[in-house]
Amino acid sequence: MKKISLKKGQIIQSAGDLNTKIYTVQSGLLRSYTIDEKGKEHIYMFAPEDWVIADIVPPHIPCELFIDVLEDSTVNIIDRYTGNEMHDVNKLRRRMWAMQQRITMLMSSTALVRYDHFLETYPDIVQRVPQRMIASYLGITPEALSKVKGQRLRNLK
């Protein structure tokens, strides 16, 4: 395992890279995303402190996700295909559980339910990322997110 410091704005993985790594965030914030044929970003996940982020593809297949740094960060890197280190199974299980919940919610839940789930999953980053990134993660427009937030506030009263 190798510990490194990363700067905000740094891209540490691009779609098409081979032999991707596993990143465990000690401090800071990372995200993974795709870019569609029209140039629109679609956020796959955020990785705040104590989360694992990676593109889980076989070593001979180019990765699908970009991973970049949203805040200055310190991460541990594991080379999945040449290293002998075992990453923390509980962190990976947490990541997989979050992804499973997210996928089922994207298929069947309202934007309000998805936003509430986002707040539960990532309680500490809502003020750390732009609203357009949260909207992308939820699969809605920034305007729709504004409406969802207004609806949520009305429901809380």
N, C-alpha and C. Protein backbone atom coordinates (compact mmCIF):
# COMPACT_ATOMS: atom_id res chain seq x y z
N MET A 1 0.85 -1.18 0.00
CA MET A 1 0.00 0.00 0.00
C MET A 1 0.89 1.23 0.00
N LYS A 2 0.51 2.20 -0.79
CA LYS A 2 1.29 3.43 -0.94
C LYS A 2 0.41 4.62 -0.58
N LYS A 3 0.91 5.51 0.25
CA LYS A 3 0.17 6.71 0.66
C LYS A 3 0.68 7.90 -0.14
N ILE A 4 -0.28 8.67 -0.74
CA ILE A 4 0.12 9.85 -1.50
C ILE A 4 -0.82 11.02 -1.19
N SER A 5 -0.33 12.22 -1.48
CA SER A 5 -1.14 13.43 -1.38
C SER A 5 -1.55 13.86 -2.78
N LEU A 6 -2.79 14.30 -2.91
CA LEU A 6 -3.34 14.72 -4.20
C LEU A 6 -3.87 16.14 -4.09
N LYS A 7 -3.83 16.87 -5.18
CA LYS A 7 -4.31 18.25 -5.20
C LYS A 7 -5.68 18.33 -5.87
N LYS A 8 -6.50 19.26 -5.39
CA LYS A 8 -7.82 19.52 -5.97
C LYS A 8 -7.68 19.73 -7.47
N GLY A 9 -8.56 19.08 -8.23
CA GLY A 9 -8.57 19.22 -9.68
C GLY A 9 -7.76 18.16 -10.41
N GLN A 10 -6.97 17.39 -9.69
CA GLN A 10 -6.14 16.37 -10.29
C GLN A 10 -7.01 15.20 -10.77
N ILE A 11 -6.76 14.72 -11.97
CA ILE A 11 -7.44 13.52 -12.48
C ILE A 11 -6.49 12.35 -12.26
N ILE A 12 -6.91 11.38 -11.44
CA ILE A 12 -6.01 10.27 -11.12
C ILE A 12 -6.32 9.01 -11.92
N GLN A 13 -7.45 9.02 -12.63
CA GLN A 13 -7.77 7.92 -13.54
C GLN A 13 -8.65 8.48 -14.65
N SER A 14 -8.36 8.07 -15.87
CA SER A 14 -9.17 8.47 -17.02
C SER A 14 -9.80 7.24 -17.64
N ALA A 15 -10.98 7.41 -18.21
CA ALA A 15 -11.62 6.31 -18.93
C ALA A 15 -10.63 5.81 -19.98
N GLY A 16 -10.50 4.50 -20.08
CA GLY A 16 -9.58 3.92 -21.04
C GLY A 16 -8.27 3.44 -20.43
N ASP A 17 -7.97 3.89 -19.20
CA ASP A 17 -6.75 3.43 -18.53
C ASP A 17 -6.82 1.92 -18.26
N LEU A 18 -5.67 1.28 -18.24
CA LEU A 18 -5.57 -0.13 -17.89
C LEU A 18 -4.94 -0.26 -16.51
N ASN A 19 -5.12 -1.41 -15.88
CA ASN A 19 -4.51 -1.69 -14.58
C ASN A 19 -4.81 -0.60 -13.57
N THR A 20 -6.07 -0.33 -13.35
CA THR A 20 -6.49 0.71 -12.43
C THR A 20 -6.17 0.33 -10.99
N LYS A 21 -6.24 1.31 -10.13
CA LYS A 21 -5.89 1.13 -8.72
C LYS A 21 -7.13 1.24 -7.84
N ILE A 22 -6.96 0.87 -6.59
CA ILE A 22 -7.98 1.07 -5.56
C ILE A 22 -7.48 2.20 -4.67
N TYR A 23 -8.34 3.17 -4.40
CA TYR A 23 -7.97 4.33 -3.59
C TYR A 23 -8.82 4.34 -2.32
N THR A 24 -8.16 4.38 -1.17
CA THR A 24 -8.85 4.54 0.10
C THR A 24 -8.56 5.95 0.59
N VAL A 25 -9.61 6.73 0.78
CA VAL A 25 -9.45 8.14 1.12
C VAL A 25 -9.23 8.29 2.63
N GLN A 26 -8.09 8.85 3.01
CA GLN A 26 -7.82 9.16 4.41
C GLN A 26 -8.37 10.53 4.77
N SER A 27 -8.15 11.50 3.88
CA SER A 27 -8.71 12.84 4.07
C SER A 27 -8.99 13.41 2.70
N GLY A 28 -9.99 14.29 2.64
CA GLY A 28 -10.33 14.91 1.37
C GLY A 28 -11.56 14.28 0.74
N LEU A 29 -11.69 14.46 -0.59
CA LEU A 29 -12.88 14.01 -1.30
C LEU A 29 -12.55 13.73 -2.76
N LEU A 30 -12.94 12.55 -3.23
CA LEU A 30 -12.77 12.16 -4.62
C LEU A 30 -14.14 11.85 -5.21
N ARG A 31 -14.21 11.75 -6.53
CA ARG A 31 -15.44 11.31 -7.19
C ARG A 31 -15.07 10.49 -8.41
N SER A 32 -15.99 9.61 -8.81
CA SER A 32 -15.84 8.89 -10.07
C SER A 32 -17.03 9.24 -10.94
N TYR A 33 -16.80 9.27 -12.26
CA TYR A 33 -17.84 9.70 -13.18
C TYR A 33 -17.54 9.22 -14.58
N THR A 34 -18.57 9.26 -15.42
CA THR A 34 -18.42 9.00 -16.84
C THR A 34 -18.78 10.27 -17.60
N ILE A 35 -18.39 10.32 -18.85
CA ILE A 35 -18.77 11.41 -19.74
C ILE A 35 -19.43 10.79 -20.96
N ASP A 36 -20.68 11.18 -21.23
CA ASP A 36 -21.39 10.57 -22.35
C ASP A 36 -20.96 11.18 -23.68
N GLU A 37 -21.54 10.68 -24.75
CA GLU A 37 -21.15 11.10 -26.10
C GLU A 37 -21.45 12.57 -26.36
N LYS A 38 -22.32 13.18 -25.55
CA LYS A 38 -22.63 14.61 -25.70
C LYS A 38 -21.75 15.48 -24.81
N GLY A 39 -20.84 14.85 -24.05
CA GLY A 39 -19.94 15.59 -23.18
C GLY A 39 -20.50 15.86 -21.79
N LYS A 40 -21.63 15.26 -21.46
CA LYS A 40 -22.25 15.47 -20.13
C LYS A 40 -21.66 14.48 -19.12
N GLU A 41 -21.31 15.01 -17.94
CA GLU A 41 -20.79 14.17 -16.86
C GLU A 41 -21.94 13.50 -16.12
N HIS A 42 -21.72 12.25 -15.73
CA HIS A 42 -22.66 11.50 -14.90
C HIS A 42 -21.86 10.94 -13.73
N ILE A 43 -22.12 11.45 -12.53
CA ILE A 43 -21.35 11.04 -11.36
C ILE A 43 -21.80 9.67 -10.88
N TYR A 44 -20.84 8.79 -10.74
CA TYR A 44 -21.10 7.43 -10.27
C TYR A 44 -21.10 7.38 -8.75
N MET A 45 -20.06 7.97 -8.15
CA MET A 45 -20.02 7.99 -6.69
C MET A 45 -19.06 9.06 -6.19
N PHE A 46 -19.24 9.41 -4.91
CA PHE A 46 -18.31 10.27 -4.19
C PHE A 46 -17.55 9.39 -3.20
N ALA A 47 -16.36 9.80 -2.85
CA ALA A 47 -15.57 9.06 -1.86
C ALA A 47 -15.00 10.05 -0.85
N PRO A 48 -15.74 10.30 0.25
CA PRO A 48 -15.19 11.13 1.33
C PRO A 48 -14.26 10.29 2.20
N GLU A 49 -13.87 10.83 3.32
CA GLU A 49 -12.96 10.15 4.22
C GLU A 49 -13.45 8.74 4.56
N ASP A 50 -12.51 7.81 4.56
CA ASP A 50 -12.73 6.42 4.96
C ASP A 50 -13.55 5.62 3.94
N TRP A 51 -13.68 6.12 2.70
CA TRP A 51 -14.36 5.39 1.64
C TRP A 51 -13.33 4.87 0.65
N VAL A 52 -13.72 3.83 -0.07
CA VAL A 52 -12.90 3.24 -1.12
C VAL A 52 -13.52 3.63 -2.46
N ILE A 53 -12.66 3.95 -3.44
CA ILE A 53 -13.14 4.27 -4.78
C ILE A 53 -12.24 3.56 -5.79
N ALA A 54 -12.87 2.97 -6.80
CA ALA A 54 -12.13 2.23 -7.82
C ALA A 54 -13.04 1.98 -9.00
N ASP A 55 -12.46 1.57 -10.11
CA ASP A 55 -13.21 1.09 -11.26
C ASP A 55 -12.98 -0.41 -11.28
N ILE A 56 -14.01 -1.18 -11.06
CA ILE A 56 -13.86 -2.62 -10.91
C ILE A 56 -13.98 -3.29 -12.28
N VAL A 57 -12.89 -3.28 -13.03
CA VAL A 57 -12.84 -3.95 -14.33
C VAL A 57 -11.67 -4.92 -14.31
N PRO A 58 -11.75 -6.00 -15.12
CA PRO A 58 -10.59 -6.90 -15.22
C PRO A 58 -9.37 -6.17 -15.76
N PRO A 59 -8.17 -6.66 -15.47
CA PRO A 59 -6.95 -5.93 -15.83
C PRO A 59 -6.76 -5.71 -17.33
N HIS A 60 -7.30 -6.54 -18.16
CA HIS A 60 -7.09 -6.42 -19.61
C HIS A 60 -8.16 -5.56 -20.30
N ILE A 61 -9.14 -5.06 -19.53
CA ILE A 61 -10.21 -4.25 -20.09
C ILE A 61 -10.02 -2.80 -19.66
N PRO A 62 -10.10 -1.86 -20.59
CA PRO A 62 -9.96 -0.44 -20.22
C PRO A 62 -11.07 -0.02 -19.24
N CYS A 63 -10.71 0.81 -18.28
CA CYS A 63 -11.68 1.25 -17.29
C CYS A 63 -12.70 2.18 -17.94
N GLU A 64 -13.84 2.32 -17.27
CA GLU A 64 -14.94 3.13 -17.78
C GLU A 64 -15.05 4.47 -17.09
N LEU A 65 -14.47 4.60 -15.92
CA LEU A 65 -14.68 5.76 -15.08
C LEU A 65 -13.47 6.68 -15.01
N PHE A 66 -13.75 7.96 -14.90
CA PHE A 66 -12.75 8.95 -14.52
C PHE A 66 -12.81 9.04 -13.00
N ILE A 67 -11.68 9.28 -12.36
CA ILE A 67 -11.65 9.59 -10.93
C ILE A 67 -10.85 10.86 -10.78
N ASP A 68 -11.46 11.86 -10.11
CA ASP A 68 -10.73 13.10 -9.88
C ASP A 68 -10.86 13.54 -8.42
N VAL A 69 -10.07 14.55 -8.10
CA VAL A 69 -9.92 15.02 -6.73
C VAL A 69 -10.72 16.31 -6.56
N LEU A 70 -11.71 16.31 -5.66
CA LEU A 70 -12.55 17.48 -5.44
C LEU A 70 -12.00 18.39 -4.34
N GLU A 71 -11.21 17.84 -3.45
CA GLU A 71 -10.53 18.61 -2.39
C GLU A 71 -9.13 18.04 -2.25
N ASP A 72 -8.16 18.84 -1.81
CA ASP A 72 -6.85 18.29 -1.52
C ASP A 72 -7.06 17.06 -0.65
N SER A 73 -6.39 15.96 -1.00
CA SER A 73 -6.68 14.68 -0.37
C SER A 73 -5.42 13.89 -0.09
N THR A 74 -5.52 13.00 0.87
CA THR A 74 -4.50 12.00 1.13
C THR A 74 -5.18 10.64 0.96
N VAL A 75 -4.57 9.78 0.13
CA VAL A 75 -5.16 8.48 -0.15
C VAL A 75 -4.11 7.38 -0.04
N ASN A 76 -4.59 6.19 0.23
CA ASN A 76 -3.77 4.99 0.13
C ASN A 76 -4.11 4.34 -1.20
N ILE A 77 -3.09 3.89 -1.93
CA ILE A 77 -3.28 3.27 -3.23
C ILE A 77 -2.87 1.81 -3.15
N ILE A 78 -3.73 0.97 -3.72
CA ILE A 78 -3.42 -0.45 -3.83
C ILE A 78 -3.50 -0.82 -5.30
N ASP A 79 -2.46 -1.44 -5.82
CA ASP A 79 -2.49 -1.96 -7.17
C ASP A 79 -3.17 -3.32 -7.11
N ARG A 80 -4.36 -3.40 -7.67
CA ARG A 80 -5.17 -4.62 -7.53
C ARG A 80 -4.57 -5.82 -8.22
N TYR A 81 -3.74 -5.62 -9.23
CA TYR A 81 -3.33 -6.74 -10.05
C TYR A 81 -1.88 -7.17 -9.85
N THR A 82 -1.07 -6.32 -9.23
CA THR A 82 0.32 -6.70 -9.02
C THR A 82 0.69 -6.71 -7.54
N GLY A 83 -0.07 -6.05 -6.71
CA GLY A 83 0.24 -5.98 -5.29
C GLY A 83 -0.31 -7.19 -4.54
N ASN A 84 0.23 -7.42 -3.39
CA ASN A 84 -0.22 -8.51 -2.55
C ASN A 84 -1.06 -8.02 -1.38
N GLU A 85 -1.24 -6.69 -1.28
CA GLU A 85 -1.96 -6.15 -0.15
C GLU A 85 -3.45 -6.46 -0.26
N MET A 86 -4.08 -6.68 0.87
CA MET A 86 -5.54 -6.85 0.92
C MET A 86 -6.13 -5.55 1.43
N HIS A 87 -7.10 -5.01 0.72
CA HIS A 87 -7.75 -3.80 1.19
C HIS A 87 -8.82 -4.17 2.22
N ASP A 88 -9.27 -3.19 2.93
CA ASP A 88 -10.24 -3.39 4.00
C ASP A 88 -11.57 -3.88 3.44
N VAL A 89 -11.92 -5.09 3.75
CA VAL A 89 -13.14 -5.71 3.22
C VAL A 89 -14.38 -4.95 3.66
N ASN A 90 -14.40 -4.44 4.88
CA ASN A 90 -15.57 -3.69 5.34
C ASN A 90 -15.79 -2.42 4.54
N LYS A 91 -14.73 -1.74 4.16
CA LYS A 91 -14.86 -0.53 3.34
C LYS A 91 -15.40 -0.89 1.96
N LEU A 92 -14.89 -1.96 1.38
CA LEU A 92 -15.38 -2.38 0.08
C LEU A 92 -16.84 -2.82 0.17
N ARG A 93 -17.19 -3.53 1.23
CA ARG A 93 -18.58 -3.95 1.43
C ARG A 93 -19.49 -2.72 1.55
N ARG A 94 -19.03 -1.70 2.28
CA ARG A 94 -19.80 -0.46 2.43
C ARG A 94 -20.03 0.20 1.08
N ARG A 95 -18.99 0.25 0.25
CA ARG A 95 -19.10 0.84 -1.07
C ARG A 95 -20.08 0.07 -1.93
N MET A 96 -19.97 -1.24 -1.94
CA MET A 96 -20.85 -2.07 -2.75
C MET A 96 -22.31 -1.95 -2.29
N TRP A 97 -22.53 -1.88 -0.99
CA TRP A 97 -23.87 -1.71 -0.45
C TRP A 97 -24.46 -0.37 -0.90
N ALA A 98 -23.66 0.69 -0.83
CA ALA A 98 -24.12 2.00 -1.27
C ALA A 98 -24.47 1.99 -2.76
N MET A 99 -23.67 1.32 -3.55
CA MET A 99 -23.94 1.24 -4.99
C MET A 99 -25.20 0.42 -5.27
N GLN A 100 -25.36 -0.68 -4.57
CA GLN A 100 -26.56 -1.50 -4.75
C GLN A 100 -27.82 -0.71 -4.43
N GLN A 101 -27.79 0.00 -3.31
CA GLN A 101 -28.95 0.81 -2.94
C GLN A 101 -29.20 1.89 -3.98
N ARG A 102 -28.15 2.52 -4.44
CA ARG A 102 -28.29 3.60 -5.41
C ARG A 102 -28.90 3.09 -6.71
N ILE A 103 -28.44 1.97 -7.20
CA ILE A 103 -28.95 1.43 -8.46
C ILE A 103 -30.42 1.08 -8.33
N THR A 104 -30.81 0.43 -7.25
CA THR A 104 -32.23 0.08 -7.09
C THR A 104 -33.07 1.34 -6.95
N MET A 105 -32.56 2.36 -6.28
CA MET A 105 -33.31 3.60 -6.14
C MET A 105 -33.44 4.34 -7.46
N LEU A 106 -32.39 4.35 -8.27
CA LEU A 106 -32.47 5.02 -9.57
C LEU A 106 -33.52 4.36 -10.46
N MET A 107 -33.72 3.07 -10.26
CA MET A 107 -34.70 2.36 -11.07
C MET A 107 -36.13 2.61 -10.61
N SER A 108 -36.32 2.94 -9.32
CA SER A 108 -37.69 2.91 -8.82
C SER A 108 -38.11 4.06 -7.90
N SER A 109 -37.21 4.89 -7.47
CA SER A 109 -37.56 5.91 -6.46
C SER A 109 -37.73 7.29 -7.06
N THR A 110 -38.48 8.12 -6.34
CA THR A 110 -38.64 9.51 -6.74
C THR A 110 -37.35 10.28 -6.47
N ALA A 111 -37.24 11.44 -7.08
CA ALA A 111 -36.06 12.29 -6.87
C ALA A 111 -35.93 12.68 -5.40
N LEU A 112 -37.05 12.91 -4.71
CA LEU A 112 -37.00 13.26 -3.29
C LEU A 112 -36.43 12.12 -2.46
N VAL A 113 -36.85 10.91 -2.73
CA VAL A 113 -36.33 9.74 -2.00
C VAL A 113 -34.84 9.57 -2.29
N ARG A 114 -34.44 9.76 -3.55
CA ARG A 114 -33.02 9.64 -3.90
C ARG A 114 -32.20 10.72 -3.20
N TYR A 115 -32.73 11.95 -3.11
CA TYR A 115 -32.02 13.02 -2.42
C TYR A 115 -31.88 12.71 -0.93
N ASP A 116 -32.94 12.24 -0.30
CA ASP A 116 -32.87 11.86 1.11
C ASP A 116 -31.82 10.77 1.32
N HIS A 117 -31.78 9.81 0.41
CA HIS A 117 -30.78 8.73 0.51
C HIS A 117 -29.37 9.29 0.35
N PHE A 118 -29.20 10.24 -0.57
CA PHE A 118 -27.90 10.89 -0.74
C PHE A 118 -27.46 11.53 0.57
N LEU A 119 -28.37 12.26 1.23
CA LEU A 119 -28.05 12.92 2.49
C LEU A 119 -27.69 11.92 3.58
N GLU A 120 -28.33 10.76 3.59
CA GLU A 120 -28.00 9.71 4.57
C GLU A 120 -26.66 9.07 4.25
N THR A 121 -26.39 8.84 2.96
CA THR A 121 -25.16 8.16 2.56
C THR A 121 -23.94 9.05 2.71
N TYR A 122 -24.09 10.32 2.35
CA TYR A 122 -22.98 11.28 2.35
C TYR A 122 -23.34 12.49 3.21
N PRO A 123 -23.57 12.32 4.51
CA PRO A 123 -24.04 13.44 5.33
C PRO A 123 -23.06 14.60 5.42
N ASP A 124 -21.79 14.35 5.23
CA ASP A 124 -20.79 15.39 5.44
C ASP A 124 -20.33 16.10 4.18
N ILE A 125 -20.86 15.73 3.00
CA ILE A 125 -20.31 16.36 1.80
C ILE A 125 -21.28 17.28 1.07
N VAL A 126 -22.52 17.38 1.55
CA VAL A 126 -23.50 18.20 0.84
C VAL A 126 -23.04 19.65 0.69
N GLN A 127 -22.28 20.16 1.64
CA GLN A 127 -21.75 21.52 1.57
C GLN A 127 -20.38 21.58 0.91
N ARG A 128 -19.84 20.41 0.56
CA ARG A 128 -18.49 20.36 0.02
C ARG A 128 -18.44 20.25 -1.50
N VAL A 129 -19.57 19.96 -2.13
CA VAL A 129 -19.59 19.81 -3.58
C VAL A 129 -20.64 20.74 -4.18
N PRO A 130 -20.44 21.17 -5.42
CA PRO A 130 -21.45 22.02 -6.06
C PRO A 130 -22.78 21.28 -6.25
N GLN A 131 -23.85 22.03 -6.25
CA GLN A 131 -25.18 21.44 -6.41
C GLN A 131 -25.32 20.70 -7.74
N ARG A 132 -24.63 21.16 -8.78
CA ARG A 132 -24.71 20.49 -10.08
C ARG A 132 -24.14 19.08 -9.99
N MET A 133 -23.16 18.85 -9.12
CA MET A 133 -22.61 17.49 -8.94
C MET A 133 -23.61 16.60 -8.21
N ILE A 134 -24.29 17.16 -7.23
CA ILE A 134 -25.32 16.38 -6.52
C ILE A 134 -26.43 16.02 -7.49
N ALA A 135 -26.85 16.97 -8.32
CA ALA A 135 -27.89 16.70 -9.32
C ALA A 135 -27.45 15.61 -10.28
N SER A 136 -26.21 15.67 -10.73
CA SER A 136 -25.68 14.64 -11.63
C SER A 136 -25.71 13.27 -10.97
N TYR A 137 -25.28 13.22 -9.72
CA TYR A 137 -25.29 11.96 -8.97
C TYR A 137 -26.71 11.40 -8.88
N LEU A 138 -27.69 12.27 -8.68
CA LEU A 138 -29.08 11.84 -8.53
C LEU A 138 -29.76 11.54 -9.86
N GLY A 139 -29.12 11.93 -10.96
CA GLY A 139 -29.70 11.70 -12.27
C GLY A 139 -30.80 12.69 -12.62
N ILE A 140 -30.69 13.92 -12.07
CA ILE A 140 -31.68 14.96 -12.34
C ILE A 140 -30.97 16.26 -12.72
N THR A 141 -31.71 17.23 -13.18
CA THR A 141 -31.12 18.52 -13.52
C THR A 141 -30.93 19.35 -12.24
N PRO A 142 -30.07 20.36 -12.28
CA PRO A 142 -29.93 21.25 -11.13
C PRO A 142 -31.26 21.94 -10.77
N GLU A 143 -32.06 22.26 -11.78
CA GLU A 143 -33.37 22.88 -11.53
C GLU A 143 -34.29 21.92 -10.78
N ALA A 144 -34.28 20.66 -11.19
CA ALA A 144 -35.10 19.65 -10.50
C ALA A 144 -34.61 19.47 -9.06
N LEU A 145 -33.30 19.56 -8.84
CA LEU A 145 -32.77 19.45 -7.48
C LEU A 145 -33.28 20.60 -6.62
N SER A 146 -33.32 21.80 -7.17
CA SER A 146 -33.85 22.94 -6.42
C SER A 146 -35.29 22.68 -6.00
N LYS A 147 -36.08 22.14 -6.90
CA LYS A 147 -37.48 21.82 -6.58
C LYS A 147 -37.56 20.75 -5.50
N VAL A 148 -36.72 19.73 -5.60
CA VAL A 148 -36.70 18.65 -4.60
C VAL A 148 -36.32 19.21 -3.23
N LYS A 149 -35.34 20.08 -3.18
CA LYS A 149 -34.93 20.67 -1.91
C LYS A 149 -36.05 21.51 -1.30
N GLY A 150 -36.76 22.26 -2.16
CA GLY A 150 -37.91 23.04 -1.69
C GLY A 150 -39.01 22.14 -1.16
N GLN A 151 -39.28 21.06 -1.88
CA GLN A 151 -40.29 20.09 -1.44
C GLN A 151 -39.90 19.47 -0.09
N ARG A 152 -38.63 19.15 0.04
CA ARG A 152 -38.14 18.54 1.28
C ARG A 152 -38.31 19.51 2.45
N LEU A 153 -38.00 20.79 2.25
CA LEU A 153 -38.16 21.78 3.29
C LEU A 153 -39.63 21.93 3.70
N ARG A 154 -40.52 21.94 2.70
CA ARG A 154 -41.96 22.01 3.00
C ARG A 154 -42.42 20.79 3.77
N ASN A 155 -41.90 19.63 3.46
CA ASN A 155 -42.28 18.40 4.16
C ASN A 155 -41.78 18.37 5.61
N LEU A 156 -40.67 19.05 5.87
CA LEU A 156 -40.10 19.06 7.20
C LEU A 156 -40.83 19.99 8.14
N LYS A 157 -41.61 20.93 7.59
CA LYS A 157 -42.32 21.91 8.43
C LYS A 157 -43.56 21.33 9.02
